[in-house]
């Protein structure tokens, strides 16, 4: 299956570079571009991409609000991969809290960029644990702590969540715990349901803000 990607960045050179990298990858195709966050919803409705690779800092409408708008306006939204220059960026963290599936550094190598697109397309998240931990450090809150306490996670779910916070994919978690990928997928789904989280990125943020890790 070919993964379709919409590029959203106000810098033409950045879009051209990402397009060149992604179009050269087997199984990935760039189906469109947008120069600002305002255009995203219309382009998503028109092109129905699997993944939106979106700059976090843009004029008119930044990546945070554009993420919220897409998730609110599109019934079956695409995966959203935030593009950033600096991993320790409050904008990135807020975009993740808004529902983005992960973030990608502009300085990343072509293979890392392609892998990030494939990872979010298959339902995993792309996170840099040290950066997320640092950004979450000052955001500990009772609401997140209450979510984790009410969830009453099983021992296996606790183990899976700890590995999720390290940025591991389902396949990597399965290898670490010596179980099947489908078993991990079941545990992840259970964690999301107990947390009331949209996706694994949201669950990881709850884990950090609660003090779980």
C-alpha atoms as a PDB file:
ATOM      1  CA  UNK A   1       0.000   0.000   0.000  1.00  0.00           C
ATOM      2  CA  UNK A   2       1.293   3.447  -0.909  1.00  0.00           C
ATOM      3  CA  UNK A   3       1.295   6.055   1.877  1.00  0.00           C
ATOM      4  CA  UNK A   4       0.031   9.418   0.664  1.00  0.00           C
ATOM      5  CA  UNK A   5       1.443  12.563   2.285  1.00  0.00           C
ATOM      6  CA  UNK A   6       0.355  16.205   2.390  1.00  0.00           C
ATOM      7  CA  UNK A   7       3.190  18.665   3.106  1.00  0.00           C
ATOM      8  CA  UNK A   8       2.345  21.837   5.050  1.00  0.00           C
ATOM      9  CA  UNK A   9       5.125  24.401   5.476  1.00  0.00           C
ATOM     10  CA  UNK A  10       5.340  28.127   4.771  1.00  0.00           C
ATOM     11  CA  UNK A  11       8.900  27.735   3.416  1.00  0.00           C
ATOM     12  CA  UNK A  12       8.922  26.628  -0.259  1.00  0.00           C
ATOM     13  CA  UNK A  13      12.470  25.277   0.078  1.00  0.00           C
ATOM     14  CA  UNK A  14      11.487  23.113   3.038  1.00  0.00           C
ATOM     15  CA  UNK A  15       8.517  21.686   1.113  1.00  0.00           C
ATOM     16  CA  UNK A  16      10.683  21.046  -1.955  1.00  0.00           C
ATOM     17  CA  UNK A  17      13.287  19.234   0.128  1.00  0.00           C
ATOM     18  CA  UNK A  18      10.733  17.024   1.865  1.00  0.00           C
ATOM     19  CA  UNK A  19       8.981  16.275  -1.420  1.00  0.00           C
ATOM     20  CA  UNK A  20      12.260  15.200  -3.027  1.00  0.00           C
ATOM     21  CA  UNK A  21      13.091  12.943  -0.091  1.00  0.00           C
ATOM     22  CA  UNK A  22       9.661  11.331   0.234  1.00  0.00           C
ATOM     23  CA  UNK A  23       8.915  10.903  -3.463  1.00  0.00           C
ATOM     24  CA  UNK A  24      12.201   9.001  -3.772  1.00  0.00           C
ATOM     25  CA  UNK A  25      11.005   6.443  -1.216  1.00  0.00           C
ATOM     26  CA  UNK A  26       9.296   3.231  -2.223  1.00  0.00           C
ATOM     27  CA  UNK A  27       5.694   3.132  -1.013  1.00  0.00           C
ATOM     28  CA  UNK A  28       5.420   6.849  -0.223  1.00  0.00           C
ATOM     29  CA  UNK A  29       4.026   9.595  -2.450  1.00  0.00           C
ATOM     30  CA  UNK A  30       3.461  13.309  -1.851  1.00  0.00           C
ATOM     31  CA  UNK A  31      -0.044  14.142  -3.066  1.00  0.00           C
ATOM     32  CA  UNK A  32      -0.086  17.855  -2.292  1.00  0.00           C
ATOM     33  CA  UNK A  33       1.368  20.890  -0.557  1.00  0.00           C
ATOM     34  CA  UNK A  34       0.033  23.795   1.477  1.00  0.00           C
ATOM     35  CA  UNK A  35       1.829  26.969   2.532  1.00  0.00           C
ATOM     36  CA  UNK A  36      -0.102  27.677   5.726  1.00  0.00           C
ATOM     37  CA  UNK A  37      -2.299  26.075   8.352  1.00  0.00           C
ATOM     38  CA  UNK A  38      -5.443  27.780   7.063  1.00  0.00           C
ATOM     39  CA  UNK A  39      -5.412  25.651   3.900  1.00  0.00           C
ATOM     40  CA  UNK A  40      -4.971  22.313   5.649  1.00  0.00           C
ATOM     41  CA  UNK A  41      -8.576  21.236   6.206  1.00  0.00           C
ATOM     42  CA  UNK A  42      -9.590  21.972   2.625  1.00  0.00           C
ATOM     43  CA  UNK A  43      -6.589  20.107   1.241  1.00  0.00           C
ATOM     44  CA  UNK A  44      -7.164  17.140   3.558  1.00  0.00           C
ATOM     45  CA  UNK A  45     -10.797  16.910   2.426  1.00  0.00           C
ATOM     46  CA  UNK A  46      -9.754  17.165  -1.221  1.00  0.00           C
ATOM     47  CA  UNK A  47      -6.745  14.846  -1.194  1.00  0.00           C
ATOM     48  CA  UNK A  48      -7.499  12.464   1.717  1.00  0.00           C
ATOM     49  CA  UNK A  49      -3.825  11.901   2.622  1.00  0.00           C
ATOM     50  CA  UNK A  50      -2.755   9.190   5.043  1.00  0.00           C
ATOM     51  CA  UNK A  51      -0.256  11.508   6.726  1.00  0.00           C
ATOM     52  CA  UNK A  52       0.030  15.295   7.073  1.00  0.00           C
ATOM     53  CA  UNK A  53       3.620  16.448   7.623  1.00  0.00           C
ATOM     54  CA  UNK A  54       3.100  19.901   9.109  1.00  0.00           C
ATOM     55  CA  UNK A  55       5.420  22.685  10.233  1.00  0.00           C
ATOM     56  CA  UNK A  56       4.680  23.773  13.791  1.00  0.00           C
ATOM     57  CA  UNK A  57       5.536  27.461  13.349  1.00  0.00           C
ATOM     58  CA  UNK A  58       3.575  29.103  10.519  1.00  0.00           C
ATOM     59  CA  UNK A  59       1.891  32.469   9.959  1.00  0.00           C
ATOM     60  CA  UNK A  60      -1.900  32.823   9.926  1.00  0.00           C
ATOM     61  CA  UNK A  61      -2.495  29.472  11.645  1.00  0.00           C
ATOM     62  CA  UNK A  62       0.268  27.510  13.371  1.00  0.00           C
ATOM     63  CA  UNK A  63       0.629  23.753  13.522  1.00  0.00           C
ATOM     64  CA  UNK A  64      -1.049  23.537  16.928  1.00  0.00           C
ATOM     65  CA  UNK A  65      -4.305  25.126  15.837  1.00  0.00           C
ATOM     66  CA  UNK A  66      -4.149  23.459  12.428  1.00  0.00           C
ATOM     67  CA  UNK A  67      -3.894  20.076  14.182  1.00  0.00           C
ATOM     68  CA  UNK A  68      -6.910  20.848  16.363  1.00  0.00           C
ATOM     69  CA  UNK A  69      -8.869  22.045  13.329  1.00  0.00           C
ATOM     70  CA  UNK A  70      -8.137  18.925  11.272  1.00  0.00           C
ATOM     71  CA  UNK A  71      -9.047  16.544  14.092  1.00  0.00           C
ATOM     72  CA  UNK A  72     -12.229  18.450  14.826  1.00  0.00           C
ATOM     73  CA  UNK A  73     -13.368  18.892  11.201  1.00  0.00           C
ATOM     74  CA  UNK A  74     -12.421  15.564   9.591  1.00  0.00           C
ATOM     75  CA  UNK A  75     -14.401  12.449  10.686  1.00  0.00           C
ATOM     76  CA  UNK A  76     -11.597  10.026   9.819  1.00  0.00           C
ATOM     77  CA  UNK A  77      -8.536  12.272  10.134  1.00  0.00           C
ATOM     78  CA  UNK A  78      -5.094  11.536   8.749  1.00  0.00           C
ATOM     79  CA  UNK A  79      -2.090  10.990  10.980  1.00  0.00           C
ATOM     80  CA  UNK A  80      -0.324  14.255  11.770  1.00  0.00           C
ATOM     81  CA  UNK A  81       3.454  14.465  11.933  1.00  0.00           C
ATOM     82  CA  UNK A  82       4.748  17.807  13.212  1.00  0.00           C
ATOM     83  CA  UNK A  83       7.889  19.194  11.562  1.00  0.00           C
ATOM     84  CA  UNK A  84      10.168  21.187  13.836  1.00  0.00           C
ATOM     85  CA  UNK A  85      13.622  22.733  13.930  1.00  0.00           C
ATOM     86  CA  UNK A  86      14.106  22.277  17.675  1.00  0.00           C
ATOM     87  CA  UNK A  87      12.943  19.205  19.570  1.00  0.00           C
ATOM     88  CA  UNK A  88      12.726  21.094  22.889  1.00  0.00           C
ATOM     89  CA  UNK A  89      10.021  23.401  21.604  1.00  0.00           C
ATOM     90  CA  UNK A  90       6.893  24.224  23.595  1.00  0.00           C
ATOM     91  CA  UNK A  91       5.031  24.545  20.298  1.00  0.00           C
ATOM     92  CA  UNK A  92       5.804  20.893  19.565  1.00  0.00           C
ATOM     93  CA  UNK A  93       4.559  19.750  22.954  1.00  0.00           C
ATOM     94  CA  UNK A  94       1.318  21.693  22.579  1.00  0.00           C
ATOM     95  CA  UNK A  95       0.819  20.189  19.118  1.00  0.00           C
ATOM     96  CA  UNK A  96       1.247  16.712  20.610  1.00  0.00           C
ATOM     97  CA  UNK A  97      -1.266  17.555  23.319  1.00  0.00           C
ATOM     98  CA  UNK A  98      -3.605  18.796  20.588  1.00  0.00           C
ATOM     99  CA  UNK A  99      -3.514  15.372  18.942  1.00  0.00           C
ATOM    100  CA  UNK A 100      -0.481  15.164  16.662  1.00  0.00           C
ATOM    101  CA  UNK A 101       0.961  11.661  16.322  1.00  0.00           C
ATOM    102  CA  UNK A 102       4.592  12.633  16.690  1.00  0.00           C
ATOM    103  CA  UNK A 103       7.226  15.016  15.502  1.00  0.00           C
ATOM    104  CA  UNK A 104      10.035  15.079  12.997  1.00  0.00           C
ATOM    105  CA  UNK A 105      13.215  17.155  13.122  1.00  0.00           C
ATOM    106  CA  UNK A 106      13.992  19.150   9.984  1.00  0.00           C
ATOM    107  CA  UNK A 107      17.634  18.135  10.282  1.00  0.00           C
ATOM    108  CA  UNK A 108      16.742  14.415  10.213  1.00  0.00           C
ATOM    109  CA  UNK A 109      18.345  12.202   7.588  1.00  0.00           C
ATOM    110  CA  UNK A 110      16.225  11.093   4.607  1.00  0.00           C
ATOM    111  CA  UNK A 111      15.901   7.542   5.955  1.00  0.00           C
ATOM    112  CA  UNK A 112      14.706   8.887   9.331  1.00  0.00           C
ATOM    113  CA  UNK A 113      12.134  11.118   7.641  1.00  0.00           C
ATOM    114  CA  UNK A 114      10.762   8.235   5.597  1.00  0.00           C
ATOM    115  CA  UNK A 115      10.702   5.979   8.659  1.00  0.00           C
ATOM    116  CA  UNK A 116       8.785   8.620  10.644  1.00  0.00           C
ATOM    117  CA  UNK A 117       6.112   8.802   7.938  1.00  0.00           C
ATOM    118  CA  UNK A 118       5.800   5.012   7.798  1.00  0.00           C
ATOM    119  CA  UNK A 119       5.676   4.757  11.597  1.00  0.00           C
ATOM    120  CA  UNK A 120       2.756   7.153  12.104  1.00  0.00           C
ATOM    121  CA  UNK A 121       0.954   5.746   9.056  1.00  0.00           C
ATOM    122  CA  UNK A 122       0.816   2.323  10.726  1.00  0.00           C
ATOM    123  CA  UNK A 123      -0.527   3.744  13.982  1.00  0.00           C
ATOM    124  CA  UNK A 124       2.628   4.095  16.059  1.00  0.00           C
ATOM    125  CA  UNK A 125       3.983   7.403  17.354  1.00  0.00           C
ATOM    126  CA  UNK A 126       7.233   9.208  16.632  1.00  0.00           C
ATOM    127  CA  UNK A 127       8.553  10.705  19.854  1.00  0.00           C
ATOM    128  CA  UNK A 128      11.920  11.696  21.266  1.00  0.00           C
ATOM    129  CA  UNK A 129      11.527  10.530  24.876  1.00  0.00           C
ATOM    130  CA  UNK A 130      14.168  12.839  26.367  1.00  0.00           C
ATOM    131  CA  UNK A 131      12.577  15.871  24.723  1.00  0.00           C
ATOM    132  CA  UNK A 132       9.037  14.928  25.756  1.00  0.00           C
ATOM    133  CA  UNK A 133      10.193  14.221  29.307  1.00  0.00           C
ATOM    134  CA  UNK A 134      11.908  17.598  29.478  1.00  0.00           C
ATOM    135  CA  UNK A 135       8.900  19.480  28.088  1.00  0.00           C
ATOM    136  CA  UNK A 136       6.481  17.614  30.368  1.00  0.00           C
ATOM    137  CA  UNK A 137       8.553  18.189  33.514  1.00  0.00           C
ATOM    138  CA  UNK A 138       6.865  21.460  34.392  1.00  0.00           C
ATOM    139  CA  UNK A 139       3.395  20.268  33.469  1.00  0.00           C
ATOM    140  CA  UNK A 140       2.699  17.658  36.145  1.00  0.00           C
ATOM    141  CA  UNK A 141      -0.972  17.905  37.068  1.00  0.00           C
ATOM    142  CA  UNK A 142      -3.595  16.273  39.246  1.00  0.00           C
ATOM    143  CA  UNK A 143      -5.918  15.634  36.299  1.00  0.00           C
ATOM    144  CA  UNK A 144      -3.410  13.352  34.567  1.00  0.00           C
ATOM    145  CA  UNK A 145      -2.571  11.672  37.862  1.00  0.00           C
ATOM    146  CA  UNK A 146      -6.267  10.948  38.454  1.00  0.00           C
ATOM    147  CA  UNK A 147      -6.603   9.427  34.963  1.00  0.00           C
ATOM    148  CA  UNK A 148      -3.764   6.992  35.637  1.00  0.00           C
ATOM    149  CA  UNK A 149      -5.068   6.083  39.086  1.00  0.00           C
ATOM    150  CA  UNK A 150      -8.603   5.443  37.796  1.00  0.00           C
ATOM    151  CA  UNK A 151      -7.269   3.361  34.906  1.00  0.00           C
ATOM    152  CA  UNK A 152      -6.150   0.575  37.276  1.00  0.00           C
ATOM    153  CA  UNK A 153      -3.686  -0.768  34.704  1.00  0.00           C
ATOM    154  CA  UNK A 154      -2.729  -4.427  34.809  1.00  0.00           C
ATOM    155  CA  UNK A 155       0.902  -5.357  35.398  1.00  0.00           C
ATOM    156  CA  UNK A 156       1.344  -6.097  31.691  1.00  0.00           C
ATOM    157  CA  UNK A 157      -0.280  -2.802  30.689  1.00  0.00           C
ATOM    158  CA  UNK A 158       2.117  -0.969  33.009  1.00  0.00           C
ATOM    159  CA  UNK A 159       5.048  -2.676  31.270  1.00  0.00           C
ATOM    160  CA  UNK A 160       3.677  -1.784  27.828  1.00  0.00           C
ATOM    161  CA  UNK A 161       3.053   1.846  28.815  1.00  0.00           C
ATOM    162  CA  UNK A 162       6.587   2.231  30.168  1.00  0.00           C
ATOM    163  CA  UNK A 163       7.969   1.044  26.820  1.00  0.00           C
ATOM    164  CA  UNK A 164       5.571   3.339  24.953  1.00  0.00           C
ATOM    165  CA  UNK A 165       7.003   6.296  26.875  1.00  0.00           C
ATOM    166  CA  UNK A 166      10.444   5.291  25.595  1.00  0.00           C
ATOM    167  CA  UNK A 167       9.196   5.762  22.042  1.00  0.00           C
ATOM    168  CA  UNK A 168       9.110   2.070  21.124  1.00  0.00           C
ATOM    169  CA  UNK A 169       6.807   0.847  18.380  1.00  0.00           C
ATOM    170  CA  UNK A 170       4.412  -2.080  18.845  1.00  0.00           C
ATOM    171  CA  UNK A 171       6.873  -4.411  17.125  1.00  0.00           C
ATOM    172  CA  UNK A 172       9.737  -3.244  19.367  1.00  0.00           C
ATOM    173  CA  UNK A 173       7.590  -3.624  22.490  1.00  0.00           C
ATOM    174  CA  UNK A 174       6.619  -7.132  21.382  1.00  0.00           C
ATOM    175  CA  UNK A 175      10.280  -8.072  20.969  1.00  0.00           C
ATOM    176  CA  UNK A 176      11.190  -6.607  24.366  1.00  0.00           C
ATOM    177  CA  UNK A 177       8.388  -8.440  26.183  1.00  0.00           C
ATOM    178  CA  UNK A 178       8.634 -11.648  24.131  1.00  0.00           C
ATOM    179  CA  UNK A 179       5.010 -11.534  23.040  1.00  0.00           C
ATOM    180  CA  UNK A 180       3.223 -11.201  19.709  1.00  0.00           C
ATOM    181  CA  UNK A 181       2.538  -7.849  18.043  1.00  0.00           C
ATOM    182  CA  UNK A 182      -1.201  -8.475  18.196  1.00  0.00           C
ATOM    183  CA  UNK A 183      -0.949  -8.981  21.956  1.00  0.00           C
ATOM    184  CA  UNK A 184       0.814  -5.636  22.284  1.00  0.00           C
ATOM    185  CA  UNK A 185      -1.796  -3.999  20.069  1.00  0.00           C
ATOM    186  CA  UNK A 186      -4.525  -5.338  22.380  1.00  0.00           C
ATOM    187  CA  UNK A 187      -2.753  -3.951  25.463  1.00  0.00           C
ATOM    188  CA  UNK A 188      -2.213  -0.554  23.792  1.00  0.00           C
ATOM    189  CA  UNK A 189      -5.906  -0.385  22.843  1.00  0.00           C
ATOM    190  CA  UNK A 190      -6.858  -1.213  26.429  1.00  0.00           C
ATOM    191  CA  UNK A 191      -4.570   1.535  27.779  1.00  0.00           C
ATOM    192  CA  UNK A 192      -6.041   4.094  25.377  1.00  0.00           C
ATOM    193  CA  UNK A 193      -9.584   3.118  26.372  1.00  0.00           C
ATOM    194  CA  UNK A 194      -8.795   3.335  30.090  1.00  0.00           C
ATOM    195  CA  UNK A 195      -7.112   6.725  29.645  1.00  0.00           C
ATOM    196  CA  UNK A 196      -9.774   8.038  27.282  1.00  0.00           C
ATOM    197  CA  UNK A 197      -6.892   8.879  24.944  1.00  0.00           C
ATOM    198  CA  UNK A 198      -7.253   9.396  21.199  1.00  0.00           C
ATOM    199  CA  UNK A 199      -3.966   7.655  20.411  1.00  0.00           C
ATOM    200  CA  UNK A 200      -0.718   6.407  21.923  1.00  0.00           C
ATOM    201  CA  UNK A 201       0.861   9.884  21.846  1.00  0.00           C
ATOM    202  CA  UNK A 202      -1.920  11.195  24.081  1.00  0.00           C
ATOM    203  CA  UNK A 203      -1.423   8.232  26.423  1.00  0.00           C
ATOM    204  CA  UNK A 204       2.308   8.930  26.659  1.00  0.00           C
ATOM    205  CA  UNK A 205       1.659  12.575  27.514  1.00  0.00           C
ATOM    206  CA  UNK A 206      -0.761  11.527  30.282  1.00  0.00           C
ATOM    207  CA  UNK A 207       1.899   9.155  31.603  1.00  0.00           C
ATOM    208  CA  UNK A 208       4.486  11.929  31.770  1.00  0.00           C
ATOM    209  CA  UNK A 209       2.186  14.596  33.209  1.00  0.00           C
ATOM    210  CA  UNK A 210       0.884  12.217  35.876  1.00  0.00           C
ATOM    211  CA  UNK A 211       4.356  11.403  37.141  1.00  0.00           C
ATOM    212  CA  UNK A 212       3.968   7.772  36.013  1.00  0.00           C
ATOM    213  CA  UNK A 213       7.438   8.155  34.481  1.00  0.00           C
END
